[in-house]
Amino acid sequence: MKSLLTTTLILLSLATLLTLGTWQVERLHWKQGLLADIAERRAAEPVSLAEIEQRAAAGDDIEYRRNALSGTFDHTKERHFFATFEGRTGFYVYTPLMLADGRRIFVNRGFVPYEMKEPATRAEGEVAGERTITGYARAKLSGKPSILVPDNDLSKNIFYWKDLDAMAASTGLSDVIPFFVDADASVANPGGWPKGGVTQFDLPNNHLQYAATWYGLAAALLAVVFGMWWRSRKPAPSPAGEVR
C-alpha cells in the first residue's frame, strides 16, 4: 500500500512539473508572437483615428497601433498618472484633446517630474491652438490591474491606474472616445515638458527560464527516483562474520 501511494505521488508530481513546463513553452511562443506584432505596429505608418475607432468597435486589438489625430488640448482638465520615467518619479500628463466633431480623447502627452505636476511650473508646454500629433492607441482598462495598486486619489488628481471613466467623470466631460493615445517621441513641447515618447514596449519574457526550471525539476525528480530504485536492487550487506 505504501509503495502504491509513493508511486502515485511521484507520477502526479512528475505530471504537474511537465505540464507547467509545457505551459511555459506555449506562453513563450505566444509572447514571441506578441512582441513581433508590436514591433510591426511600431514600424507601420500612422492611420487615422477613425480607422482605430472602427477596429475597436469591431472588437479588434488596437493596442500600440500608430495613428495621427488633430485637435485642441484643454489643459484645464489634464489628469496626472503617477509614474517613473528614466529613473525619475513624476507623472504622465493625460490631457483631453477636442476633435473637430466636438468629441474628446485623452492623450498621454508625456512625462513631467514630480515637482512639475502643476501646469504653472511648465506653462510653455501648455500649447494652444489646433495640434496634429502622432502616437499609439492604448486600450481602456476593464478594471484595476491588481489589488496591490492603490485607489486613484481624485481629490488630488493623482491616478495610480488608468481609469478612463474616472478621468472623464472627474473633468465633467462626456462623449469621450473609449481609448487613450500615447503621444510618440516626435511630439516636442516648448520648454521640453511634458516629454513625449513614454510608451513602454519592452514586455517581460522570462518564459524560457521558467520552462527550464520546471523541466529541470522534473529531471531532478526522475534522477532521485532512479537513484532510489537502483539502490533498492543492490543486495543487503551480510552481517559481520556471517559466512555465505
C-alpha atoms as a PDB file:
ATOM      1  CA  MET A   1       0.000   0.000   0.000  1.00  0.00           C
ATOM      2  CA  LYS A   2       2.796   2.373   0.914  1.00  0.00           C
ATOM      3  CA  SER A   3       4.605   1.582  -2.339  1.00  0.00           C
ATOM      4  CA  LEU A   4       1.458   2.302  -4.380  1.00  0.00           C
ATOM      5  CA  LEU A   5       0.906   5.640  -2.621  1.00  0.00           C
ATOM      6  CA  THR A   6       4.542   6.648  -3.198  1.00  0.00           C
ATOM      7  CA  THR A   7       4.349   5.727  -6.878  1.00  0.00           C
ATOM      8  CA  THR A   8       1.108   7.698  -7.293  1.00  0.00           C
ATOM      9  CA  LEU A   9       2.580  10.804  -5.658  1.00  0.00           C
ATOM     10  CA  ILE A  10       5.693  10.588  -7.829  1.00  0.00           C
ATOM     11  CA  LEU A  11       3.653  10.260 -11.027  1.00  0.00           C
ATOM     12  CA  LEU A  12       1.375  13.150 -10.046  1.00  0.00           C
ATOM     13  CA  SER A  13       4.360  15.341  -9.217  1.00  0.00           C
ATOM     14  CA  LEU A  14       6.089  14.471 -12.478  1.00  0.00           C
ATOM     15  CA  ALA A  15       2.920  15.144 -14.498  1.00  0.00           C
ATOM     16  CA  THR A  16       2.478  18.511 -12.763  1.00  0.00           C
ATOM     17  CA  LEU A  17       6.058  19.588 -13.424  1.00  0.00           C
ATOM     18  CA  LEU A  18       5.902  18.562 -17.085  1.00  0.00           C
ATOM     19  CA  THR A  19       2.559  20.309 -17.531  1.00  0.00           C
ATOM     20  CA  LEU A  20       3.911  23.536 -16.048  1.00  0.00           C
ATOM     21  CA  GLY A  21       6.990  23.352 -18.268  1.00  0.00           C
ATOM     22  CA  THR A  22       4.899  22.771 -21.380  1.00  0.00           C
ATOM     23  CA  TRP A  23       2.593  25.643 -20.450  1.00  0.00           C
ATOM     24  CA  GLN A  24       5.591  27.968 -20.199  1.00  0.00           C
ATOM     25  CA  VAL A  25       6.791  26.863 -23.643  1.00  0.00           C
ATOM     26  CA  GLU A  26       3.356  27.699 -25.035  1.00  0.00           C
ATOM     27  CA  ARG A  27       3.498  31.075 -23.284  1.00  0.00           C
ATOM     28  CA  LEU A  28       6.950  31.647 -24.775  1.00  0.00           C
ATOM     29  CA  HIS A  29       5.635  31.170 -28.315  1.00  0.00           C
ATOM     30  CA  TRP A  30       2.666  33.438 -27.547  1.00  0.00           C
ATOM     31  CA  LYS A  31       4.914  36.168 -26.128  1.00  0.00           C
ATOM     32  CA  GLN A  32       7.318  35.992 -29.057  1.00  0.00           C
ATOM     33  CA  GLY A  33       4.387  36.400 -31.453  1.00  0.00           C
ATOM     34  CA  LEU A  34       3.064  39.337 -29.421  1.00  0.00           C
ATOM     35  CA  LEU A  35       6.438  41.101 -29.415  1.00  0.00           C
ATOM     36  CA  ALA A  36       6.780  40.595 -33.167  1.00  0.00           C
ATOM     37  CA  ASP A  37       3.284  42.027 -33.651  1.00  0.00           C
ATOM     38  CA  ILE A  38       4.120  45.075 -31.509  1.00  0.00           C
ATOM     39  CA  ALA A  39       7.323  45.660 -33.479  1.00  0.00           C
ATOM     40  CA  GLU A  40       5.348  45.521 -36.733  1.00  0.00           C
ATOM     41  CA  ARG A  41       2.781  48.018 -35.437  1.00  0.00           C
ATOM     42  CA  ARG A  42       5.504  50.406 -34.277  1.00  0.00           C
ATOM     43  CA  ALA A  43       7.069  50.395 -37.755  1.00  0.00           C
ATOM     44  CA  ALA A  44       3.770  50.913 -39.588  1.00  0.00           C
ATOM     45  CA  GLU A  45       2.636  54.243 -40.990  1.00  0.00           C
ATOM     46  CA  PRO A  46       0.112  56.099 -38.802  1.00  0.00           C
ATOM     47  CA  VAL A  47      -3.536  55.530 -39.678  1.00  0.00           C
ATOM     48  CA  SER A  48      -6.460  57.813 -38.991  1.00  0.00           C
ATOM     49  CA  LEU A  49      -8.222  57.926 -35.661  1.00  0.00           C
ATOM     50  CA  ALA A  50     -11.389  56.843 -37.484  1.00  0.00           C
ATOM     51  CA  GLU A  51      -9.723  53.580 -38.530  1.00  0.00           C
ATOM     52  CA  ILE A  52      -8.664  52.879 -34.951  1.00  0.00           C
ATOM     53  CA  GLU A  53     -12.239  53.519 -33.833  1.00  0.00           C
ATOM     54  CA  GLN A  54     -13.580  51.116 -36.443  1.00  0.00           C
ATOM     55  CA  ARG A  55     -11.179  48.418 -35.290  1.00  0.00           C
ATOM     56  CA  ALA A  56     -12.104  48.977 -31.656  1.00  0.00           C
ATOM     57  CA  ALA A  57     -15.838  48.850 -32.460  1.00  0.00           C
ATOM     58  CA  ALA A  58     -15.283  45.557 -34.290  1.00  0.00           C
ATOM     59  CA  GLY A  59     -13.535  44.081 -31.252  1.00  0.00           C
ATOM     60  CA  ASP A  60     -10.070  44.098 -32.841  1.00  0.00           C
ATOM     61  CA  ASP A  61      -6.924  44.567 -30.808  1.00  0.00           C
ATOM     62  CA  ILE A  62      -5.928  48.247 -31.107  1.00  0.00           C
ATOM     63  CA  GLU A  63      -3.054  48.201 -28.644  1.00  0.00           C
ATOM     64  CA  TYR A  64       0.078  50.016 -29.906  1.00  0.00           C
ATOM     65  CA  ARG A  65      -1.422  50.804 -33.330  1.00  0.00           C
ATOM     66  CA  ARG A  66       0.049  54.035 -34.672  1.00  0.00           C
ATOM     67  CA  ASN A  67      -2.350  56.814 -35.523  1.00  0.00           C
ATOM     68  CA  ALA A  68      -2.440  60.504 -36.332  1.00  0.00           C
ATOM     69  CA  LEU A  69      -5.001  62.926 -34.982  1.00  0.00           C
ATOM     70  CA  SER A  70      -5.658  66.654 -34.734  1.00  0.00           C
ATOM     71  CA  GLY A  71      -7.492  68.819 -32.241  1.00  0.00           C
ATOM     72  CA  THR A  72      -7.170  71.364 -29.454  1.00  0.00           C
ATOM     73  CA  PHE A  73      -5.952  70.489 -25.963  1.00  0.00           C
ATOM     74  CA  ASP A  74      -7.977  71.510 -22.921  1.00  0.00           C
ATOM     75  CA  HIS A  75      -5.187  71.928 -20.395  1.00  0.00           C
ATOM     76  CA  THR A  76      -7.575  72.919 -17.612  1.00  0.00           C
ATOM     77  CA  LYS A  77      -8.730  69.296 -17.439  1.00  0.00           C
ATOM     78  CA  GLU A  78      -5.451  67.404 -17.575  1.00  0.00           C
ATOM     79  CA  ARG A  79      -5.186  64.329 -15.364  1.00  0.00           C
ATOM     80  CA  HIS A  80      -1.997  63.089 -13.717  1.00  0.00           C
ATOM     81  CA  PHE A  81      -0.931  59.450 -13.685  1.00  0.00           C
ATOM     82  CA  PHE A  82       1.784  58.601 -11.132  1.00  0.00           C
ATOM     83  CA  ALA A  83       4.777  57.089 -12.946  1.00  0.00           C
ATOM     84  CA  THR A  84       8.529  56.766 -13.181  1.00  0.00           C
ATOM     85  CA  PHE A  85      10.485  57.505 -16.329  1.00  0.00           C
ATOM     86  CA  GLU A  86      14.222  57.272 -16.934  1.00  0.00           C
ATOM     87  CA  GLY A  87      14.829  56.870 -13.204  1.00  0.00           C
ATOM     88  CA  ARG A  88      12.749  59.881 -12.160  1.00  0.00           C
ATOM     89  CA  THR A  89       9.470  59.952 -10.265  1.00  0.00           C
ATOM     90  CA  GLY A  90       6.668  62.076 -11.618  1.00  0.00           C
ATOM     91  CA  PHE A  91       3.525  61.942 -13.685  1.00  0.00           C
ATOM     92  CA  TYR A  92       2.258  61.183 -17.148  1.00  0.00           C
ATOM     93  CA  VAL A  93       0.031  64.063 -18.220  1.00  0.00           C
ATOM     94  CA  TYR A  94      -3.277  62.933 -19.743  1.00  0.00           C
ATOM     95  CA  THR A  95      -4.974  65.841 -21.484  1.00  0.00           C
ATOM     96  CA  PRO A  96      -8.305  65.754 -23.331  1.00  0.00           C
ATOM     97  CA  LEU A  97      -7.935  66.699 -26.994  1.00  0.00           C
ATOM     98  CA  MET A  98     -11.082  68.198 -28.501  1.00  0.00           C
ATOM     99  CA  LEU A  99     -11.664  66.923 -32.033  1.00  0.00           C
ATOM    100  CA  ALA A 100     -13.360  68.750 -34.884  1.00  0.00           C
ATOM    101  CA  ASP A 101     -16.613  66.883 -34.240  1.00  0.00           C
ATOM    102  CA  GLY A 102     -16.716  68.001 -30.598  1.00  0.00           C
ATOM    103  CA  ARG A 103     -15.681  64.679 -29.076  1.00  0.00           C
ATOM    104  CA  ARG A 104     -12.675  64.300 -26.782  1.00  0.00           C
ATOM    105  CA  ILE A 105      -9.896  61.777 -26.467  1.00  0.00           C
ATOM    106  CA  PHE A 106      -7.426  61.624 -23.587  1.00  0.00           C
ATOM    107  CA  VAL A 107      -3.864  61.913 -24.865  1.00  0.00           C
ATOM    108  CA  ASN A 108      -0.864  60.910 -22.783  1.00  0.00           C
ATOM    109  CA  ARG A 109       1.309  63.895 -23.682  1.00  0.00           C
ATOM    110  CA  GLY A 110       4.279  62.518 -21.773  1.00  0.00           C
ATOM    111  CA  PHE A 111       6.213  62.721 -18.527  1.00  0.00           C
ATOM    112  CA  VAL A 112       6.798  65.590 -16.114  1.00  0.00           C
ATOM    113  CA  PRO A 113       8.915  65.380 -12.931  1.00  0.00           C
ATOM    114  CA  TYR A 114       7.122  65.248  -9.596  1.00  0.00           C
ATOM    115  CA  GLU A 115       7.837  68.891  -8.804  1.00  0.00           C
ATOM    116  CA  MET A 116       6.292  69.960 -12.122  1.00  0.00           C
ATOM    117  CA  LYS A 117       2.866  68.413 -11.565  1.00  0.00           C
ATOM    118  CA  GLU A 118       1.157  71.799 -11.565  1.00  0.00           C
ATOM    119  CA  PRO A 119       0.756  73.298 -15.057  1.00  0.00           C
ATOM    120  CA  ALA A 120       2.012  76.702 -13.869  1.00  0.00           C
ATOM    121  CA  THR A 121       5.505  75.213 -13.479  1.00  0.00           C
ATOM    122  CA  ARG A 122       5.629  74.322 -17.198  1.00  0.00           C
ATOM    123  CA  ALA A 123       3.478  76.983 -18.815  1.00  0.00           C
ATOM    124  CA  GLU A 124       5.460  76.877 -22.066  1.00  0.00           C
ATOM    125  CA  GLY A 125       4.302  73.324 -22.673  1.00  0.00           C
ATOM    126  CA  GLU A 126       0.613  74.212 -22.413  1.00  0.00           C
ATOM    127  CA  VAL A 127       0.348  74.573 -26.167  1.00  0.00           C
ATOM    128  CA  ALA A 128      -2.621  76.455 -27.634  1.00  0.00           C
ATOM    129  CA  GLY A 129      -4.499  76.133 -30.898  1.00  0.00           C
ATOM    130  CA  GLU A 130      -5.010  73.122 -33.117  1.00  0.00           C
ATOM    131  CA  ARG A 131      -2.303  70.495 -32.922  1.00  0.00           C
ATOM    132  CA  THR A 132      -1.559  67.419 -35.012  1.00  0.00           C
ATOM    133  CA  ILE A 133       0.152  64.590 -33.195  1.00  0.00           C
ATOM    134  CA  THR A 134       1.130  61.007 -33.855  1.00  0.00           C
ATOM    135  CA  GLY A 135       1.043  58.304 -31.245  1.00  0.00           C
ATOM    136  CA  TYR A 136      -0.032  54.844 -30.180  1.00  0.00           C
ATOM    137  CA  ALA A 137      -3.543  53.693 -29.361  1.00  0.00           C
ATOM    138  CA  ARG A 138      -3.870  52.226 -25.866  1.00  0.00           C
ATOM    139  CA  ALA A 139      -6.894  50.206 -24.874  1.00  0.00           C
ATOM    140  CA  LYS A 140      -9.142  51.136 -21.995  1.00  0.00           C
ATOM    141  CA  LEU A 141      -8.603  49.006 -18.879  1.00  0.00           C
ATOM    142  CA  SER A 142     -11.563  46.945 -17.726  1.00  0.00           C
ATOM    143  CA  GLY A 143     -10.638  47.422 -14.064  1.00  0.00           C
ATOM    144  CA  LYS A 144      -7.846  47.943 -11.565  1.00  0.00           C
ATOM    145  CA  PRO A 145      -4.981  45.681 -12.681  1.00  0.00           C
ATOM    146  CA  SER A 146      -4.159  44.391  -9.189  1.00  0.00           C
ATOM    147  CA  ILE A 147      -5.362  44.656  -5.592  1.00  0.00           C
ATOM    148  CA  LEU A 148      -1.844  45.877  -4.800  1.00  0.00           C
ATOM    149  CA  VAL A 149      -2.401  49.021  -6.879  1.00  0.00           C
ATOM    150  CA  PRO A 150      -3.663  51.933  -4.736  1.00  0.00           C
ATOM    151  CA  ASP A 151      -7.016  53.503  -5.428  1.00  0.00           C
ATOM    152  CA  ASN A 152      -6.965  56.652  -7.519  1.00  0.00           C
ATOM    153  CA  ASP A 153      -6.984  59.869  -5.491  1.00  0.00           C
ATOM    154  CA  LEU A 154      -9.412  62.032  -7.426  1.00  0.00           C
ATOM    155  CA  SER A 155      -9.308  64.864  -4.892  1.00  0.00           C
ATOM    156  CA  LYS A 156      -5.577  65.326  -5.527  1.00  0.00           C
ATOM    157  CA  ASN A 157      -5.788  64.458  -9.230  1.00  0.00           C
ATOM    158  CA  ILE A 158      -3.412  61.523  -8.841  1.00  0.00           C
ATOM    159  CA  PHE A 159      -4.178  58.329 -10.746  1.00  0.00           C
ATOM    160  CA  TYR A 160      -2.411  55.087  -9.886  1.00  0.00           C
ATOM    161  CA  TRP A 161      -4.128  53.181 -12.668  1.00  0.00           C
ATOM    162  CA  LYS A 162      -5.580  54.452 -15.926  1.00  0.00           C
ATOM    163  CA  ASP A 163      -9.290  54.571 -15.208  1.00  0.00           C
ATOM    164  CA  LEU A 164     -10.648  56.302 -18.293  1.00  0.00           C
ATOM    165  CA  ASP A 165     -14.187  56.532 -16.920  1.00  0.00           C
ATOM    166  CA  ALA A 166     -12.946  58.226 -13.744  1.00  0.00           C
ATOM    167  CA  MET A 167     -10.751  60.607 -15.741  1.00  0.00           C
ATOM    168  CA  ALA A 168     -13.718  61.656 -17.844  1.00  0.00           C
ATOM    169  CA  ALA A 169     -16.145  61.903 -14.910  1.00  0.00           C
ATOM    170  CA  SER A 170     -13.718  63.907 -12.777  1.00  0.00           C
ATOM    171  CA  THR A 171     -13.414  66.511 -15.534  1.00  0.00           C
ATOM    172  CA  GLY A 172     -17.127  66.642 -16.265  1.00  0.00           C
ATOM    173  CA  LEU A 173     -16.566  65.588 -19.876  1.00  0.00           C
ATOM    174  CA  SER A 174     -18.941  63.488 -21.922  1.00  0.00           C
ATOM    175  CA  ASP A 175     -18.679  61.958 -25.376  1.00  0.00           C
ATOM    176  CA  VAL A 176     -15.140  60.736 -24.677  1.00  0.00           C
ATOM    177  CA  ILE A 177     -13.594  58.222 -27.088  1.00  0.00           C
ATOM    178  CA  PRO A 178     -13.167  54.931 -25.185  1.00  0.00           C
ATOM    179  CA  PHE A 179      -9.413  54.523 -25.531  1.00  0.00           C
ATOM    180  CA  PHE A 180      -6.225  56.541 -24.999  1.00  0.00           C
ATOM    181  CA  VAL A 181      -3.457  57.727 -27.282  1.00  0.00           C
ATOM    182  CA  ASP A 182       0.185  57.927 -26.158  1.00  0.00           C
ATOM    183  CA  ALA A 183       1.993  60.754 -27.948  1.00  0.00           C
ATOM    184  CA  ASP A 184       5.212  59.472 -29.506  1.00  0.00           C
ATOM    185  CA  ALA A 185       8.691  60.951 -29.205  1.00  0.00           C
ATOM    186  CA  SER A 186       8.251  63.076 -32.328  1.00  0.00           C
ATOM    187  CA  VAL A 187       5.868  65.354 -30.404  1.00  0.00           C
ATOM    188  CA  ALA A 188       8.156  68.006 -28.914  1.00  0.00           C
ATOM    189  CA  ASN A 189       6.631  70.505 -26.498  1.00  0.00           C
ATOM    190  CA  PRO A 190       8.008  74.014 -25.853  1.00  0.00           C
ATOM    191  CA  GLY A 191      10.159  74.045 -22.742  1.00  0.00           C
ATOM    192  CA  GLY A 192      10.646  70.279 -23.038  1.00  0.00           C
ATOM    193  CA  TRP A 193       7.701  69.297 -20.840  1.00  0.00           C
ATOM    194  CA  PRO A 194       5.731  67.104 -20.973  1.00  0.00           C
ATOM    195  CA  LYS A 195       8.295  64.796 -22.547  1.00  0.00           C
ATOM    196  CA  GLY A 196       6.616  62.504 -25.072  1.00  0.00           C
ATOM    197  CA  GLY A 197       7.571  59.003 -26.129  1.00  0.00           C
ATOM    198  CA  VAL A 198       6.957  57.310 -22.788  1.00  0.00           C
ATOM    199  CA  THR A 199       5.159  54.220 -24.111  1.00  0.00           C
ATOM    200  CA  GLN A 200       6.649  51.009 -22.714  1.00  0.00           C
ATOM    201  CA  PHE A 201       7.199  48.336 -25.364  1.00  0.00           C
ATOM    202  CA  ASP A 202       9.582  46.001 -23.513  1.00  0.00           C
ATOM    203  CA  LEU A 203       7.311  43.306 -22.153  1.00  0.00           C
ATOM    204  CA  PRO A 204       8.940  40.810 -19.763  1.00  0.00           C
ATOM    205  CA  ASN A 205       9.676  37.499 -21.454  1.00  0.00           C
ATOM    206  CA  ASN A 206      11.044  35.026 -18.908  1.00  0.00           C
ATOM    207  CA  HIS A 207       9.068  32.017 -20.067  1.00  0.00           C
ATOM    208  CA  LEU A 208      12.126  30.145 -21.347  1.00  0.00           C
ATOM    209  CA  GLN A 209      13.765  30.332 -17.919  1.00  0.00           C
ATOM    210  CA  TYR A 210      10.529  29.244 -16.248  1.00  0.00           C
ATOM    211  CA  ALA A 211      10.173  26.301 -18.645  1.00  0.00           C
ATOM    212  CA  ALA A 212      13.769  25.260 -17.993  1.00  0.00           C
ATOM    213  CA  THR A 213      13.113  25.424 -14.247  1.00  0.00           C
ATOM    214  CA  TRP A 214      10.030  23.165 -14.365  1.00  0.00           C
ATOM    215  CA  TYR A 215      11.630  20.684 -16.764  1.00  0.00           C
ATOM    216  CA  GLY A 216      14.777  20.733 -14.630  1.00  0.00           C
ATOM    217  CA  LEU A 217      12.773  19.881 -11.526  1.00  0.00           C
ATOM    218  CA  ALA A 218      11.098  17.036 -13.439  1.00  0.00           C
ATOM    219  CA  ALA A 219      14.515  15.719 -14.460  1.00  0.00           C
ATOM    220  CA  ALA A 220      15.759  16.009 -10.875  1.00  0.00           C
ATOM    221  CA  LEU A 221      12.725  14.064  -9.634  1.00  0.00           C
ATOM    222  CA  LEU A 222      13.400  11.317 -12.163  1.00  0.00           C
ATOM    223  CA  ALA A 223      17.052  11.205 -11.102  1.00  0.00           C
ATOM    224  CA  VAL A 224      16.083  10.832  -7.433  1.00  0.00           C
ATOM    225  CA  VAL A 225      13.567   8.084  -8.237  1.00  0.00           C
ATOM    226  CA  PHE A 226      16.085   6.254 -10.402  1.00  0.00           C
ATOM    227  CA  GLY A 227      18.721   6.500  -7.669  1.00  0.00           C
ATOM    228  CA  MET A 228      16.336   5.071  -5.094  1.00  0.00           C
ATOM    229  CA  TRP A 229      15.352   2.255  -7.441  1.00  0.00           C
ATOM    230  CA  TRP A 230      18.989   1.465  -8.203  1.00  0.00           C
ATOM    231  CA  ARG A 231      19.910   1.275  -4.536  1.00  0.00           C
ATOM    232  CA  SER A 232      16.944  -0.990  -3.845  1.00  0.00           C
ATOM    233  CA  ARG A 233      18.319  -3.508  -6.382  1.00  0.00           C
ATOM    234  CA  LYS A 234      21.593  -3.942  -4.526  1.00  0.00           C
ATOM    235  CA  PRO A 235      21.707  -6.936  -2.149  1.00  0.00           C
ATOM    236  CA  ALA A 236      21.718  -6.056   1.528  1.00  0.00           C
ATOM    237  CA  PRO A 237      25.209  -6.332   3.116  1.00  0.00           C
ATOM    238  CA  SER A 238      25.833  -9.552   5.066  1.00  0.00           C
ATOM    239  CA  PRO A 239      26.076  -9.292   8.885  1.00  0.00           C
ATOM    240  CA  ALA A 240      29.639  -9.206  10.184  1.00  0.00           C
ATOM    241  CA  GLY A 241      31.136 -12.652  10.481  1.00  0.00           C
ATOM    242  CA  GLU A 242      28.407 -14.420   8.561  1.00  0.00           C
ATOM    243  CA  VAL A 243      29.762 -16.963   6.094  1.00  0.00           C
ATOM    244  CA  ARG A 244      27.867 -17.424   2.832  1.00  0.00           C
END
